[in-house]
Amino acid sequence: MRSETFTLISEFIELNQLLKLVGACDTGGQGKQLVAEGLVTVNGEVELRKTCKIRAGQVVVFDDLEIRVIGPD
């Protein structure tokens, strides 16, 4: 599994947008589809809310990609 760190520039990012920004999909719409299909977990739990607010300290996994979300320094 490959791991990537994503640094927030605000309080949160919507899950579908995070997937797009890290390159897991090409568009936010595709990100919504991945979430709707139950292919994404947040902190080890399947997440079905497409625009779930992802905050610093959470870990998102899709396929073979683990995304660790951190806050701004």
PDB file of N, CA and C in Angstrom:
ATOM      1  N   MET A   1       0.843  -1.183   0.000  1.00  0.00           N
ATOM      2  CA  MET A   1       0.000   0.000   0.000  1.00  0.00           C
ATOM      3  C   MET A   1       0.889   1.248   0.000  1.00  0.00           C
ATOM      4  N   ARG A   2       0.549   2.175  -0.855  1.00  0.00           N
ATOM      5  CA  ARG A   2       1.301   3.431  -0.864  1.00  0.00           C
ATOM      6  C   ARG A   2       0.621   4.429   0.057  1.00  0.00           C
ATOM      7  N   SER A   3       1.425   5.299   0.628  1.00  0.00           N
ATOM      8  CA  SER A   3       0.932   6.258   1.603  1.00  0.00           C
ATOM      9  C   SER A   3       1.241   7.674   1.141  1.00  0.00           C
ATOM     10  N   GLU A   4       0.311   8.565   1.393  1.00  0.00           N
ATOM     11  CA  GLU A   4       0.482   9.962   1.021  1.00  0.00           C
ATOM     12  C   GLU A   4      -0.027  10.827   2.168  1.00  0.00           C
ATOM     13  N   THR A   5       0.608  11.977   2.354  1.00  0.00           N
ATOM     14  CA  THR A   5       0.173  12.926   3.366  1.00  0.00           C
ATOM     15  C   THR A   5      -0.456  14.121   2.667  1.00  0.00           C
ATOM     16  N   PHE A   6      -1.609  14.535   3.162  1.00  0.00           N
ATOM     17  CA  PHE A   6      -2.303  15.703   2.613  1.00  0.00           C
ATOM     18  C   PHE A   6      -2.405  16.741   3.717  1.00  0.00           C
ATOM     19  N   THR A   7      -1.931  17.957   3.437  1.00  0.00           N
ATOM     20  CA  THR A   7      -1.971  19.038   4.411  1.00  0.00           C
ATOM     21  C   THR A   7      -3.153  19.957   4.130  1.00  0.00           C
ATOM     22  N   LEU A   8      -4.021  20.093   5.118  1.00  0.00           N
ATOM     23  CA  LEU A   8      -5.171  20.981   4.985  1.00  0.00           C
ATOM     24  C   LEU A   8      -4.731  22.440   4.999  1.00  0.00           C
ATOM     25  N   ILE A   9      -5.447  23.284   4.270  1.00  0.00           N
ATOM     26  CA  ILE A   9      -5.211  24.724   4.351  1.00  0.00           C
ATOM     27  C   ILE A   9      -6.396  25.416   5.025  1.00  0.00           C
ATOM     28  N   SER A  10      -7.408  24.616   5.364  1.00  0.00           N
ATOM     29  CA  SER A  10      -8.560  25.129   6.102  1.00  0.00           C
ATOM     30  C   SER A  10      -8.944  24.080   7.147  1.00  0.00           C
ATOM     31  N   GLU A  11     -10.086  24.259   7.791  1.00  0.00           N
ATOM     32  CA  GLU A  11     -10.500  23.363   8.864  1.00  0.00           C
ATOM     33  C   GLU A  11     -10.779  21.946   8.379  1.00  0.00           C
ATOM     34  N   PHE A  12     -11.302  21.811   7.152  1.00  0.00           N
ATOM     35  CA  PHE A  12     -11.660  20.498   6.620  1.00  0.00           C
ATOM     36  C   PHE A  12     -11.655  20.534   5.098  1.00  0.00           C
ATOM     37  N   ILE A  13     -11.766  19.337   4.504  1.00  0.00           N
ATOM     38  CA  ILE A  13     -11.949  19.193   3.066  1.00  0.00           C
ATOM     39  C   ILE A  13     -13.013  18.115   2.861  1.00  0.00           C
ATOM     40  N   GLU A  14     -13.859  18.286   1.862  1.00  0.00           N
ATOM     41  CA  GLU A  14     -14.867  17.272   1.572  1.00  0.00           C
ATOM     42  C   GLU A  14     -14.185  16.041   0.982  1.00  0.00           C
ATOM     43  N   LEU A  15     -14.678  14.875   1.355  1.00  0.00           N
ATOM     44  CA  LEU A  15     -14.056  13.611   0.960  1.00  0.00           C
ATOM     45  C   LEU A  15     -13.888  13.484  -0.549  1.00  0.00           C
ATOM     46  N   ASN A  16     -14.927  13.805  -1.313  1.00  0.00           N
ATOM     47  CA  ASN A  16     -14.821  13.662  -2.769  1.00  0.00           C
ATOM     48  C   ASN A  16     -13.748  14.583  -3.343  1.00  0.00           C
ATOM     49  N   GLN A  17     -13.578  15.771  -2.778  1.00  0.00           N
ATOM     50  CA  GLN A  17     -12.556  16.702  -3.250  1.00  0.00           C
ATOM     51  C   GLN A  17     -11.148  16.232  -2.869  1.00  0.00           C
ATOM     52  N   LEU A  18     -11.018  15.629  -1.691  1.00  0.00           N
ATOM     53  CA  LEU A  18      -9.728  15.082  -1.278  1.00  0.00           C
ATOM     54  C   LEU A  18      -9.273  14.008  -2.256  1.00  0.00           C
ATOM     55  N   LEU A  19     -10.185  13.116  -2.622  1.00  0.00           N
ATOM     56  CA  LEU A  19      -9.838  12.052  -3.566  1.00  0.00           C
ATOM     57  C   LEU A  19      -9.372  12.633  -4.897  1.00  0.00           C
ATOM     58  N   LYS A  20     -10.016  13.701  -5.326  1.00  0.00           N
ATOM     59  CA  LYS A  20      -9.619  14.341  -6.577  1.00  0.00           C
ATOM     60  C   LYS A  20      -8.235  14.984  -6.440  1.00  0.00           C
ATOM     61  N   LEU A  21      -8.006  15.703  -5.370  1.00  0.00           N
ATOM     62  CA  LEU A  21      -6.749  16.444  -5.208  1.00  0.00           C
ATOM     63  C   LEU A  21      -5.529  15.538  -5.052  1.00  0.00           C
ATOM     64  N   VAL A  22      -5.703  14.349  -4.512  1.00  0.00           N
ATOM     65  CA  VAL A  22      -4.560  13.435  -4.379  1.00  0.00           C
ATOM     66  C   VAL A  22      -4.390  12.542  -5.602  1.00  0.00           C
ATOM     67  N   GLY A  23      -5.279  12.709  -6.580  1.00  0.00           N
ATOM     68  CA  GLY A  23      -5.137  11.951  -7.821  1.00  0.00           C
ATOM     69  C   GLY A  23      -5.759  10.575  -7.818  1.00  0.00           C
ATOM     70  N   ALA A  24      -6.599  10.271  -6.826  1.00  0.00           N
ATOM     71  CA  ALA A  24      -7.263   8.974  -6.786  1.00  0.00           C
ATOM     72  C   ALA A  24      -8.348   8.877  -7.855  1.00  0.00           C
ATOM     73  N   CYS A  25      -8.815  10.036  -8.334  1.00  0.00           N
ATOM     74  CA  CYS A  25      -9.805  10.105  -9.406  1.00  0.00           C
ATOM     75  C   CYS A  25      -9.617  11.433 -10.135  1.00  0.00           C
ATOM     76  N   ASP A  26     -10.256  11.577 -11.278  1.00  0.00           N
ATOM     77  CA  ASP A  26     -10.063  12.770 -12.101  1.00  0.00           C
ATOM     78  C   ASP A  26     -10.967  13.936 -11.735  1.00  0.00           C
ATOM     79  N   THR A  27     -12.147  13.648 -11.214  1.00  0.00           N
ATOM     80  CA  THR A  27     -13.103  14.714 -10.903  1.00  0.00           C
ATOM     81  C   THR A  27     -13.766  14.460  -9.549  1.00  0.00           C
ATOM     82  N   GLY A  28     -14.360  15.515  -9.006  1.00  0.00           N
ATOM     83  CA  GLY A  28     -15.115  15.367  -7.772  1.00  0.00           C
ATOM     84  C   GLY A  28     -16.298  14.434  -7.959  1.00  0.00           C
ATOM     85  N   GLY A  29     -16.885  14.438  -9.145  1.00  0.00           N
ATOM     86  CA  GLY A  29     -18.001  13.540  -9.448  1.00  0.00           C
ATOM     87  C   GLY A  29     -17.582  12.081  -9.387  1.00  0.00           C
ATOM     88  N   GLN A  30     -16.394  11.798  -9.904  1.00  0.00           N
ATOM     89  CA  GLN A  30     -15.883  10.429  -9.818  1.00  0.00           C
ATOM     90  C   GLN A  30     -15.616  10.066  -8.361  1.00  0.00           C
ATOM     91  N   GLY A  31     -15.131  11.039  -7.601  1.00  0.00           N
ATOM     92  CA  GLY A  31     -14.902  10.816  -6.173  1.00  0.00           C
ATOM     93  C   GLY A  31     -16.198  10.463  -5.462  1.00  0.00           C
ATOM     94  N   LYS A  32     -17.279  11.177  -5.787  1.00  0.00           N
ATOM     95  CA  LYS A  32     -18.584  10.884  -5.196  1.00  0.00           C
ATOM     96  C   LYS A  32     -19.018   9.459  -5.530  1.00  0.00           C
ATOM     97  N   GLN A  33     -18.758   9.035  -6.759  1.00  0.00           N
ATOM     98  CA  GLN A  33     -19.142   7.692  -7.185  1.00  0.00           C
ATOM     99  C   GLN A  33     -18.371   6.623  -6.404  1.00  0.00           C
ATOM    100  N   LEU A  34     -17.080   6.838  -6.204  1.00  0.00           N
ATOM    101  CA  LEU A  34     -16.268   5.892  -5.441  1.00  0.00           C
ATOM    102  C   LEU A  34     -16.791   5.746  -4.019  1.00  0.00           C
ATOM    103  N   VAL A  35     -17.142   6.879  -3.420  1.00  0.00           N
ATOM    104  CA  VAL A  35     -17.671   6.856  -2.056  1.00  0.00           C
ATOM    105  C   VAL A  35     -19.021   6.147  -2.028  1.00  0.00           C
ATOM    106  N   ALA A  36     -19.899   6.478  -2.987  1.00  0.00           N
ATOM    107  CA  ALA A  36     -21.236   5.870  -3.037  1.00  0.00           C
ATOM    108  C   ALA A  36     -21.169   4.357  -3.199  1.00  0.00           C
ATOM    109  N   GLU A  37     -20.140   3.867  -3.862  1.00  0.00           N
ATOM    110  CA  GLU A  37     -19.983   2.427  -4.070  1.00  0.00           C
ATOM    111  C   GLU A  37     -19.382   1.722  -2.857  1.00  0.00           C
ATOM    112  N   GLY A  38     -19.050   2.484  -1.806  1.00  0.00           N
ATOM    113  CA  GLY A  38     -18.504   1.884  -0.590  1.00  0.00           C
ATOM    114  C   GLY A  38     -17.053   1.483  -0.707  1.00  0.00           C
ATOM    115  N   LEU A  39     -16.309   2.146  -1.589  1.00  0.00           N
ATOM    116  CA  LEU A  39     -14.907   1.787  -1.842  1.00  0.00           C
ATOM    117  C   LEU A  39     -13.905   2.593  -1.023  1.00  0.00           C
ATOM    118  N   VAL A  40     -14.399   3.495  -0.181  1.00  0.00           N
ATOM    119  CA  VAL A  40     -13.516   4.393   0.570  1.00  0.00           C
ATOM    120  C   VAL A  40     -13.773   4.219   2.063  1.00  0.00           C
ATOM    121  N   THR A  41     -12.687   4.151   2.840  1.00  0.00           N
ATOM    122  CA  THR A  41     -12.842   4.111   4.293  1.00  0.00           C
ATOM    123  C   THR A  41     -12.205   5.348   4.911  1.00  0.00           C
ATOM    124  N   VAL A  42     -12.771   5.754   6.038  1.00  0.00           N
ATOM    125  CA  VAL A  42     -12.224   6.848   6.839  1.00  0.00           C
ATOM    126  C   VAL A  42     -12.022   6.291   8.238  1.00  0.00           C
ATOM    127  N   ASN A  43     -10.787   6.317   8.697  1.00  0.00           N
ATOM    128  CA  ASN A  43     -10.430   5.757  10.008  1.00  0.00           C
ATOM    129  C   ASN A  43     -10.916   4.313  10.156  1.00  0.00           C
ATOM    130  N   GLY A  44     -10.801   3.543   9.070  1.00  0.00           N
ATOM    131  CA  GLY A  44     -11.113   2.119   9.112  1.00  0.00           C
ATOM    132  C   GLY A  44     -12.577   1.761   8.923  1.00  0.00           C
ATOM    133  N   GLU A  45     -13.450   2.752   8.753  1.00  0.00           N
ATOM    134  CA  GLU A  45     -14.883   2.506   8.574  1.00  0.00           C
ATOM    135  C   GLU A  45     -15.303   2.934   7.174  1.00  0.00           C
ATOM    136  N   VAL A  46     -16.135   2.136   6.512  1.00  0.00           N
ATOM    137  CA  VAL A  46     -16.644   2.512   5.195  1.00  0.00           C
ATOM    138  C   VAL A  46     -17.435   3.811   5.339  1.00  0.00           C
ATOM    139  N   GLU A  47     -17.135   4.771   4.483  1.00  0.00           N
ATOM    140  CA  GLU A  47     -17.807   6.079   4.507  1.00  0.00           C
ATOM    141  C   GLU A  47     -18.668   6.213   3.263  1.00  0.00           C
ATOM    142  N   LEU A  48     -19.960   6.454   3.445  1.00  0.00           N
ATOM    143  CA  LEU A  48     -20.880   6.579   2.322  1.00  0.00           C
ATOM    144  C   LEU A  48     -21.344   8.016   2.085  1.00  0.00           C
ATOM    145  N   ARG A  49     -20.956   8.938   2.963  1.00  0.00           N
ATOM    146  CA  ARG A  49     -21.318  10.351   2.777  1.00  0.00           C
ATOM    147  C   ARG A  49     -20.286  10.979   1.831  1.00  0.00           C
ATOM    148  N   LYS A  50     -20.727  11.326   0.638  1.00  0.00           N
ATOM    149  CA  LYS A  50     -19.813  11.792  -0.415  1.00  0.00           C
ATOM    150  C   LYS A  50     -19.079  13.068  -0.043  1.00  0.00           C
ATOM    151  N   THR A  51     -19.743  13.950   0.698  1.00  0.00           N
ATOM    152  CA  THR A  51     -19.118  15.225   1.059  1.00  0.00           C
ATOM    153  C   THR A  51     -18.778  15.265   2.550  1.00  0.00           C
ATOM    154  N   CYS A  52     -18.492  14.102   3.113  1.00  0.00           N
ATOM    155  CA  CYS A  52     -18.065  14.000   4.505  1.00  0.00           C
ATOM    156  C   CYS A  52     -16.893  14.948   4.740  1.00  0.00           C
ATOM    157  N   LYS A  53     -16.918  15.659   5.866  1.00  0.00           N
ATOM    158  CA  LYS A  53     -15.838  16.599   6.181  1.00  0.00           C
ATOM    159  C   LYS A  53     -14.651  15.838   6.763  1.00  0.00           C
ATOM    160  N   ILE A  54     -13.539  15.891   6.067  1.00  0.00           N
ATOM    161  CA  ILE A  54     -12.317  15.233   6.507  1.00  0.00           C
ATOM    162  C   ILE A  54     -11.439  16.266   7.207  1.00  0.00           C
ATOM    163  N   ARG A  55     -11.024  15.946   8.423  1.00  0.00           N
ATOM    164  CA  ARG A  55     -10.251  16.883   9.246  1.00  0.00           C
ATOM    165  C   ARG A  55      -8.869  16.296   9.571  1.00  0.00           C
ATOM    166  N   ALA A  56      -8.008  17.138  10.088  1.00  0.00           N
ATOM    167  CA  ALA A  56      -6.654  16.713  10.466  1.00  0.00           C
ATOM    168  C   ALA A  56      -6.732  15.527  11.424  1.00  0.00           C
ATOM    169  N   GLY A  57      -5.857  14.563  11.216  1.00  0.00           N
ATOM    170  CA  GLY A  57      -5.791  13.387  12.066  1.00  0.00           C
ATOM    171  C   GLY A  57      -6.530  12.182  11.506  1.00  0.00           C
ATOM    172  N   GLN A  58      -7.320  12.384  10.464  1.00  0.00           N
ATOM    173  CA  GLN A  58      -8.056  11.268   9.889  1.00  0.00           C
ATOM    174  C   GLN A  58      -7.231  10.574   8.807  1.00  0.00           C
ATOM    175  N   VAL A  59      -7.538   9.302   8.588  1.00  0.00           N
ATOM    176  CA  VAL A  59      -6.858   8.505   7.571  1.00  0.00           C
ATOM    177  C   VAL A  59      -7.906   7.974   6.602  1.00  0.00           C
ATOM    178  N   VAL A  60      -7.709   8.272   5.329  1.00  0.00           N
ATOM    179  CA  VAL A  60      -8.626   7.847   4.272  1.00  0.00           C
ATOM    180  C   VAL A  60      -7.923   6.788   3.434  1.00  0.00           C
ATOM    181  N   VAL A  61      -8.625   5.692   3.139  1.00  0.00           N
ATOM    182  CA  VAL A  61      -8.046   4.632   2.313  1.00  0.00           C
ATOM    183  C   VAL A  61      -8.961   4.362   1.133  1.00  0.00           C
ATOM    184  N   PHE A  62      -8.356   4.324  -0.043  1.00  0.00           N
ATOM    185  CA  PHE A  62      -9.054   3.920  -1.261  1.00  0.00           C
ATOM    186  C   PHE A  62      -8.104   3.037  -2.052  1.00  0.00           C
ATOM    187  N   ASP A  63      -8.562   1.850  -2.396  1.00  0.00           N
ATOM    188  CA  ASP A  63      -7.772   0.906  -3.178  1.00  0.00           C
ATOM    189  C   ASP A  63      -6.451   0.652  -2.457  1.00  0.00           C
ATOM    190  N   ASP A  64      -5.320   0.972  -3.074  1.00  0.00           N
ATOM    191  CA  ASP A  64      -4.020   0.743  -2.432  1.00  0.00           C
ATOM    192  C   ASP A  64      -3.392   2.039  -1.951  1.00  0.00           C
ATOM    193  N   LEU A  65      -4.203   3.089  -1.759  1.00  0.00           N
ATOM    194  CA  LEU A  65      -3.714   4.395  -1.353  1.00  0.00           C
ATOM    195  C   LEU A  65      -4.227   4.755   0.027  1.00  0.00           C
ATOM    196  N   GLU A  66      -3.285   5.056   0.936  1.00  0.00           N
ATOM    197  CA  GLU A  66      -3.631   5.536   2.267  1.00  0.00           C
ATOM    198  C   GLU A  66      -3.276   7.013   2.338  1.00  0.00           C
ATOM    199  N   ILE A  67      -4.248   7.844   2.713  1.00  0.00           N
ATOM    200  CA  ILE A  67      -4.047   9.293   2.774  1.00  0.00           C
ATOM    201  C   ILE A  67      -4.145   9.719   4.241  1.00  0.00           C
ATOM    202  N   ARG A  68      -3.040  10.230   4.764  1.00  0.00           N
ATOM    203  CA  ARG A  68      -3.023  10.748   6.132  1.00  0.00           C
ATOM    204  C   ARG A  68      -3.204  12.267   6.042  1.00  0.00           C
ATOM    205  N   VAL A  69      -4.226  12.751   6.709  1.00  0.00           N
ATOM    206  CA  VAL A  69      -4.563  14.165   6.630  1.00  0.00           C
ATOM    207  C   VAL A  69      -3.995  14.879   7.853  1.00  0.00           C
ATOM    208  N   ILE A  70      -3.236  15.944   7.604  1.00  0.00           N
ATOM    209  CA  ILE A  70      -2.648  16.729   8.679  1.00  0.00           C
ATOM    210  C   ILE A  70      -3.084  18.185   8.556  1.00  0.00           C
ATOM    211  N   GLY A  71      -2.974  18.901   9.641  1.00  0.00           N
ATOM    212  CA  GLY A  71      -3.346  20.306   9.645  1.00  0.00           C
ATOM    213  C   GLY A  71      -2.180  21.186   9.233  1.00  0.00           C
ATOM    214  N   PRO A  72      -2.470  22.454   8.983  1.00  0.00           N
ATOM    215  CA  PRO A  72      -1.397  23.380   8.628  1.00  0.00           C
ATOM    216  C   PRO A  72      -0.466  23.569   9.824  1.00  0.00           C
ATOM    217  N   ASP A  73       0.775  23.840   9.565  1.00  0.00           N
ATOM    218  CA  ASP A  73       1.756  24.026  10.652  1.00  0.00           C
ATOM    219  C   ASP A  73       1.488  25.281  11.447  1.00  0.00           C
TER     220      ASP A  73
END
